[in-house]
Every structure is written in structure tokens, then in C-alpha cells.
Amino acid sequence: MDLHYQREITVGTLVLAGIGLFVAGTLWLKGSTLRSPARTEQVRFTDAGGLQIDNEVRVSGYPVGKVVAIVFERPGRVLVTFTVPPSLEIHSDASAAIVTSLFASGSTMSLNAGSESAPLLAEGQVIVGAAGSDLFAKGSALADRADSALIGVQAIANQRTADNLTATLAALQRVLNTLNQRVPATTDEAQRTMIALRHLSERLDSTIATMPVGNAVERADTLARNLSTMSLQLTATGARLDTLLQKVNRGEGTIGKFASDTGLYQDTRRALQSMQALIDELTKHPGKIAVQVKLF
């Protein structure tokens, strides 16, 4: 084969391969395949919401097909055609819902294939679409609940509540009026008290200023000196008395001899006893003693 034709064949083969890869990549990115889907099914919604052609169809959260057509029949009736894989069995109690999310680029259709106990979906039978978890539908339901809550609040805030509020405000007004009456009187009493305290302070200052503080200090010094002198004198007197008692104990002096001489004590005792006997005798015989008077 000529070298020139060999190069053309090689270039043509590469171009065709590139075209094939381009088509395959485009189909893969769109989620399509070269083979035709096994079948198409239909579902009827009252509102298509944000559902569009080529949106995903999910079963248990897994993508199994695409939306291929959306037909508006009349208000409250929208027919959606979608594809499913050949192995997917759809039963007669199947349902579908439109799911909208803020984090997704578009809506998706969630398909519930039905229970296994129910018969398979007949050919040409249309699936009934249910109200899905559309974000706007949830917002509408939430708004309805908010309206119901506001109605309940309005029902609670009835005439009785208004009357109680009015009575409370009236009581508060009476308290404020009482305070307005009492505060001026209390203020006047406080002012009078402060004036009296100021006058008392002035009198104390004048009294302290006129007191002979110097003379009082001098008299206190004189009294302290006198007390000191008296203390010294008492100390000397106590020392002398102690010396005198020591001499008495040793028998020195008249008082000491009288206190320490037992003979003097005995003589005095005998004299007192003789005196007592004489007195007793005179008492018994008053005429017995003769008194003689002699004249020289």
C-alpha cells in the first residue's frame, strides 16, 4: 500500500475515534445510553412545580431514569413521561412525588415502586402523583400553621384579657399617684433633718471652740502629779508600818514587850480575876467591908 494512503487512513481512523469518544462522553455526561430504554411510564400531578425535562427520577434515593416529557392537560392535571430501567418492577399501587431542594440545581421526581404484594402496573396505566416534599409546598403549609397559631392567639386575647390588662394599668396608675403624693413630703422631712444636723454640728463646733482646753490639760497634769506624790507617801507609810510590825514581832519597845512577854499577860489575868472576886463579894455582902477614917 502506498505510504500516502496509509497516512490518510490513519488520520481518518483517529478522527472517527475522536468523534466517537466525543459522542460517548456527551451521552455519559447527560446520563444517556446508546441503547433505547426498556419502557416509558407516565405519572399525573396536580402541580409540576419546578420539574423539568431531563430531571432525574430516583427510587430510594438512587437515580434510575430521566423525565422525557411534560404535558399540560388542564389546570390541576400535568402528565409527566419518564424512563425506567428494564429490570425495575412497578406495581399498581406505585406513587411519585416532586422533590425540590435549595442545594440542588433542579427538582427531582421520587418514585415509589409500590408493594410487592400488589400486581404489576398494567400497560398504559398512569401513576398517581402525590404531594411531595416541595420546599414551596412546605413553606405554604408552614404559613397555614402560622395563620392557625395567630388565630389561636387572637382567640386567647379575648375581652377578659383586655379587662384584666385595663385593671392592671389602673392599679399601676394609683400606685404612681400615691408615690407622687408621698415623695414631696418625704423630701421635705429629709431636708428638715439635714438642716437640724447642720445646726447641731455648728453648735458642737462652737462648744469645742469655747472650752478651756488648756486649763483642763494643766489641771489634769496637776492631778497626776498629786496622785504620784500620794503614791510615794503611801509607799513610805507602808514601809514604816512594816518596820514597826517587825519590831513588835521581835519584842522590841513597849508594844513589843507587851505582845511578847507572857508573864505580863498572866499578871494582868490574875489581877482581873482578883478584881472580879472582889466585885462578886461586895455584891453578895455589901455591909461586910468596914471603912475606917483616921484623923491625925
Protein backbone atom coordinates (compact mmCIF):
# COMPACT_ATOMS: atom_id res chain seq x y z
CA MET A 1 0.00 0.00 0.00
CA ASP A 2 1.22 3.43 -0.82
CA LEU A 3 2.60 5.32 2.15
CA HIS A 4 0.47 8.36 1.30
CA TYR A 5 -2.83 6.41 1.55
CA GLN A 6 -1.67 4.72 4.75
CA ARG A 7 -1.29 8.11 6.44
CA GLU A 8 -4.76 9.22 5.27
CA ILE A 9 -6.32 6.03 6.64
CA THR A 10 -4.57 6.54 9.97
CA VAL A 11 -5.71 10.16 10.21
CA GLY A 12 -9.29 9.20 9.29
CA THR A 13 -9.34 6.44 11.89
CA LEU A 14 -8.14 8.86 14.59
CA VAL A 15 -10.77 11.42 13.58
CA LEU A 16 -13.56 8.83 13.72
CA ALA A 17 -12.31 7.59 17.09
CA GLY A 18 -12.27 11.14 18.40
CA ILE A 19 -15.81 11.73 17.19
CA GLY A 20 -16.94 8.50 18.83
CA LEU A 21 -15.29 9.43 22.12
CA PHE A 22 -16.88 12.88 21.95
CA VAL A 23 -20.37 11.45 21.40
CA ALA A 24 -19.87 8.82 24.13
CA GLY A 25 -18.64 11.45 26.60
CA THR A 26 -21.56 13.72 25.80
CA LEU A 27 -24.04 10.91 26.34
CA TRP A 28 -22.29 9.89 29.56
CA LEU A 29 -22.40 13.43 30.91
CA LYS A 30 -26.12 13.65 30.12
CA GLY A 31 -26.72 10.25 31.70
CA SER A 32 -27.97 8.73 28.43
CA THR A 33 -27.02 5.48 26.81
CA LEU A 34 -26.82 4.36 23.18
CA ARG A 35 -29.43 1.71 23.69
CA SER A 36 -33.09 2.61 23.98
CA PRO A 37 -34.79 2.40 27.37
CA ALA A 38 -36.86 -0.67 28.01
CA ARG A 39 -40.06 1.28 28.54
CA THR A 40 -41.56 4.59 29.45
CA GLU A 41 -44.10 5.22 32.19
CA GLN A 42 -46.39 8.13 32.97
CA VAL A 43 -47.43 9.90 36.15
CA ARG A 44 -50.06 12.59 36.59
CA PHE A 45 -49.53 15.51 39.02
CA THR A 46 -51.82 18.33 40.07
CA ASP A 47 -48.81 20.66 40.02
CA ALA A 48 -45.48 20.04 38.27
CA GLY A 49 -43.68 22.55 40.48
CA GLY A 50 -40.08 23.01 39.34
CA LEU A 51 -39.86 19.71 37.48
CA GLN A 52 -38.25 19.94 34.02
CA ILE A 53 -37.26 17.62 31.17
CA ASP A 54 -34.03 15.64 31.84
CA ASN A 55 -34.53 15.88 35.60
CA GLU A 56 -33.64 12.70 37.45
CA VAL A 57 -36.07 10.02 38.53
CA ARG A 58 -34.99 8.40 41.79
CA VAL A 59 -36.06 5.22 43.54
CA SER A 60 -34.99 5.03 47.21
CA GLY A 61 -32.71 8.00 46.52
CA TYR A 62 -30.89 6.28 43.63
CA PRO A 63 -31.18 7.70 40.06
CA VAL A 64 -32.85 5.18 37.73
CA GLY A 65 -34.14 7.32 34.84
CA LYS A 66 -34.97 10.71 33.37
CA VAL A 67 -38.01 12.85 32.71
CA VAL A 68 -38.57 12.85 28.91
CA ALA A 69 -41.78 14.85 28.55
CA ILE A 70 -44.11 17.15 30.48
CA VAL A 71 -47.59 17.78 29.03
CA PHE A 72 -50.09 20.30 30.44
CA GLU A 73 -53.56 18.82 30.07
CA ARG A 74 -55.67 21.31 32.03
CA PRO A 75 -55.48 23.18 35.34
CA GLY A 76 -54.74 20.63 38.03
CA ARG A 77 -53.60 17.93 35.56
CA VAL A 78 -49.99 17.66 34.35
CA LEU A 79 -48.83 14.44 32.66
CA VAL A 80 -45.15 13.57 33.06
CA THR A 81 -43.45 10.83 30.99
CA PHE A 82 -40.25 9.26 32.33
CA THR A 83 -37.97 6.32 31.61
CA VAL A 84 -37.14 3.36 33.85
CA PRO A 85 -34.63 0.53 33.51
CA PRO A 86 -35.88 -2.82 32.18
CA SER A 87 -35.36 -4.69 35.45
CA LEU A 88 -37.38 -2.29 37.59
CA GLU A 89 -40.78 -3.69 38.53
CA ILE A 90 -43.50 -1.11 39.17
CA HIS A 91 -46.67 -2.22 40.91
CA SER A 92 -50.19 -0.90 40.64
CA ASP A 93 -50.03 0.97 43.98
CA ALA A 94 -46.95 2.92 42.89
CA SER A 95 -46.76 6.68 43.53
CA ALA A 96 -44.46 9.57 42.69
CA ALA A 97 -43.61 12.95 44.24
CA ILE A 98 -41.65 16.02 43.17
CA VAL A 99 -38.75 16.91 45.48
CA THR A 100 -37.23 20.39 45.45
CA SER A 101 -34.06 21.35 47.37
CA LEU A 102 -32.21 24.62 47.81
CA PHE A 103 -28.87 22.86 47.36
CA ALA A 104 -29.75 21.11 44.06
CA SER A 105 -29.79 22.68 40.59
CA GLY A 106 -33.34 21.49 39.91
CA SER A 107 -36.18 19.32 41.09
CA THR A 108 -36.20 15.53 41.06
CA MET A 109 -39.02 13.01 40.88
CA SER A 110 -39.08 10.44 43.65
CA LEU A 111 -40.73 7.19 42.53
CA ASN A 112 -42.20 4.66 44.94
CA ALA A 113 -42.42 1.37 43.05
CA GLY A 114 -45.21 0.05 45.31
CA SER A 115 -45.53 -3.04 47.47
CA GLU A 116 -44.53 -6.47 46.21
CA SER A 117 -47.91 -7.94 47.18
CA ALA A 118 -49.72 -5.68 44.69
CA PRO A 119 -49.96 -6.67 40.99
CA LEU A 120 -47.63 -5.15 38.43
CA LEU A 121 -48.53 -1.89 36.76
CA ALA A 122 -50.66 -2.55 33.66
CA GLU A 123 -49.53 -1.28 30.27
CA GLY A 124 -50.79 2.26 29.73
CA GLN A 125 -51.80 2.73 33.39
CA VAL A 126 -50.92 6.20 34.71
CA ILE A 127 -49.32 6.51 38.14
CA VAL A 128 -50.98 8.95 40.51
CA GLY A 129 -48.62 11.66 41.69
CA ALA A 130 -48.68 12.55 45.37
CA ALA A 131 -47.91 15.82 47.11
CA GLY A 132 -44.14 15.68 47.50
CA SER A 133 -41.68 17.41 49.77
CA ASP A 134 -41.55 20.51 47.60
CA LEU A 135 -39.87 23.30 49.53
CA PHE A 136 -42.50 25.81 48.46
CA ALA A 137 -45.27 23.43 49.46
CA LYS A 138 -43.68 23.12 52.88
CA GLY A 139 -43.49 26.89 53.09
CA SER A 140 -47.18 27.14 52.24
CA ALA A 141 -48.04 24.54 54.90
CA LEU A 142 -45.91 26.41 57.40
CA ALA A 143 -47.71 29.63 56.55
CA ASP A 144 -51.05 27.89 57.09
CA ARG A 145 -49.88 26.70 60.50
CA ALA A 146 -48.70 30.20 61.36
CA ASP A 147 -52.14 31.56 60.42
CA SER A 148 -53.75 28.95 62.66
CA ALA A 149 -51.43 29.92 65.51
CA LEU A 150 -52.29 33.60 65.07
CA ILE A 151 -55.98 32.76 65.10
CA GLY A 152 -55.45 30.84 68.34
CA VAL A 153 -53.59 33.80 69.86
CA GLN A 154 -56.42 36.10 68.87
CA ALA A 155 -58.90 33.72 70.46
CA ILE A 156 -56.91 33.72 73.71
CA ALA A 157 -56.63 37.51 73.77
CA ASN A 158 -60.35 37.96 74.39
CA GLN A 159 -62.31 40.63 76.18
CA ARG A 160 -61.46 39.17 79.59
CA THR A 161 -57.76 39.58 78.92
CA ALA A 162 -58.35 43.16 77.85
CA ASP A 163 -60.31 43.83 81.05
CA ASN A 164 -57.52 42.35 83.20
CA LEU A 165 -54.99 44.49 81.39
CA THR A 166 -57.09 47.58 81.96
CA ALA A 167 -57.43 46.80 85.67
CA THR A 168 -53.67 46.27 85.94
CA LEU A 169 -52.96 49.62 84.29
CA ALA A 170 -55.45 51.34 86.61
CA ALA A 171 -53.74 49.81 89.68
CA LEU A 172 -50.37 50.92 88.37
CA GLN A 173 -51.71 54.44 87.89
CA ARG A 174 -52.94 54.50 91.51
CA VAL A 175 -49.52 53.41 92.74
CA LEU A 176 -47.85 56.15 90.74
CA ASN A 177 -50.28 58.75 92.13
CA THR A 178 -49.55 57.59 95.70
CA LEU A 179 -45.82 57.86 95.07
CA ASN A 180 -46.26 61.35 93.65
CA GLN A 181 -48.10 62.35 96.84
CA ARG A 182 -45.64 60.75 99.25
CA VAL A 183 -42.35 61.73 97.61
CA PRO A 184 -42.63 65.53 98.19
CA ALA A 185 -43.47 65.05 101.91
CA THR A 186 -40.57 62.64 102.34
CA THR A 187 -38.26 65.10 100.59
CA ASP A 188 -39.32 67.94 102.93
CA GLU A 189 -38.71 65.78 106.01
CA ALA A 190 -35.27 64.82 104.74
CA GLN A 191 -34.40 68.46 104.14
CA ARG A 192 -35.52 69.45 107.64
CA THR A 193 -33.46 66.62 109.13
CA MET A 194 -30.36 67.74 107.23
CA ILE A 195 -30.85 71.34 108.42
CA ALA A 196 -31.15 70.18 112.06
CA LEU A 197 -27.99 68.07 111.72
CA ARG A 198 -26.14 71.05 110.29
CA HIS A 199 -27.21 73.27 113.21
CA LEU A 200 -26.14 70.57 115.68
CA SER A 201 -22.77 70.33 114.01
CA GLU A 202 -22.33 74.10 114.22
CA ARG A 203 -23.19 74.06 117.95
CA LEU A 204 -20.71 71.29 118.63
CA ASP A 205 -18.01 73.22 116.81
CA SER A 206 -18.72 76.39 118.82
CA THR A 207 -18.81 74.47 122.12
CA ILE A 208 -15.49 72.78 121.42
CA ALA A 209 -14.00 76.12 120.39
CA THR A 210 -15.08 77.84 123.69
CA MET A 211 -13.98 75.03 126.02
CA PRO A 212 -10.84 75.88 128.18
CA VAL A 213 -8.88 73.03 126.83
CA GLY A 214 -5.55 74.46 128.04
CA ASN A 215 -6.71 74.81 131.68
CA ALA A 216 -8.20 71.34 131.62
CA VAL A 217 -4.87 69.92 130.46
CA GLU A 218 -2.97 71.81 133.19
CA ARG A 219 -5.41 70.59 135.86
CA ALA A 220 -5.04 67.05 134.61
CA ASP A 221 -1.23 67.38 134.89
CA THR A 222 -1.53 68.76 138.47
CA LEU A 223 -3.86 65.94 139.45
CA ALA A 224 -1.43 63.39 138.01
CA ARG A 225 1.46 64.91 140.00
CA ASN A 226 -0.60 64.92 143.22
CA LEU A 227 -1.53 61.28 142.69
CA SER A 228 2.12 60.42 142.16
CA THR A 229 3.12 62.21 145.40
CA MET A 230 0.34 60.45 147.30
CA SER A 231 1.51 57.13 145.95
CA LEU A 232 5.05 57.81 147.17
CA GLN A 233 3.77 58.81 150.62
CA LEU A 234 1.65 55.68 150.87
CA THR A 235 4.66 53.62 149.93
CA ALA A 236 6.79 55.25 152.68
CA THR A 237 4.00 54.83 155.27
CA GLY A 238 3.62 51.17 154.35
CA ALA A 239 7.37 50.66 154.75
CA ARG A 240 7.33 52.29 158.21
CA LEU A 241 4.35 50.25 159.32
CA ASP A 242 6.11 47.10 158.14
CA THR A 243 9.20 48.05 160.19
CA LEU A 244 7.05 48.69 163.29
CA LEU A 245 5.35 45.31 162.97
CA GLN A 246 8.70 43.59 162.60
CA LYS A 247 9.89 45.24 165.88
CA VAL A 248 6.67 44.18 167.63
CA ASN A 249 7.22 40.62 166.47
CA ARG A 250 10.80 40.71 167.81
CA GLY A 251 9.56 42.07 171.25
CA GLU A 252 11.21 45.45 170.90
CA GLY A 253 9.59 48.50 172.51
CA THR A 254 6.64 48.75 174.88
CA ILE A 255 4.11 47.28 172.47
CA GLY A 256 6.57 44.56 171.51
CA LYS A 257 7.22 43.58 175.13
CA PHE A 258 3.51 43.64 175.93
CA ALA A 259 2.84 41.41 172.96
CA SER A 260 5.74 39.00 173.58
CA ASP A 261 6.03 38.85 177.47
CA THR A 262 3.76 36.05 178.75
CA GLY A 263 4.35 36.99 182.40
CA LEU A 264 2.71 40.37 181.92
CA TYR A 265 -0.24 38.59 180.36
CA GLN A 266 -0.53 36.21 183.35
CA ASP A 267 -0.19 39.04 185.95
CA THR A 268 -2.87 41.03 184.18
CA ARG A 269 -5.11 37.95 184.07
CA ARG A 270 -4.67 37.27 187.83
CA ALA A 271 -5.36 40.94 188.64
CA LEU A 272 -8.56 40.85 186.62
CA GLN A 273 -9.63 37.61 188.32
CA SER A 274 -8.99 39.15 191.84
CA MET A 275 -10.96 42.26 190.83
CA GLN A 276 -13.83 40.06 189.65
CA ALA A 277 -13.81 38.11 193.01
CA LEU A 278 -13.89 41.37 194.99
CA ILE A 279 -16.79 42.70 193.00
CA ASP A 280 -18.69 39.44 193.48
CA GLU A 281 -18.11 39.56 197.28
CA LEU A 282 -19.29 43.18 197.52
CA THR A 283 -22.34 42.24 195.56
CA LYS A 284 -23.20 39.41 197.98
CA HIS A 285 -22.29 41.21 201.27
CA PRO A 286 -22.43 44.95 200.75
CA GLY A 287 -22.05 45.79 204.51
CA LYS A 288 -19.17 43.49 205.23
CA ILE A 289 -16.38 45.90 204.39
CA ALA A 290 -15.71 48.45 207.14
CA VAL A 291 -14.36 51.84 206.23
CA GLN A 292 -12.17 53.41 208.88
CA VAL A 293 -11.27 57.08 208.73
CA LYS A 294 -8.38 58.21 210.88
CA LEU A 295 -7.56 61.79 211.61
CA PHE A 296 -4.07 62.68 212.56
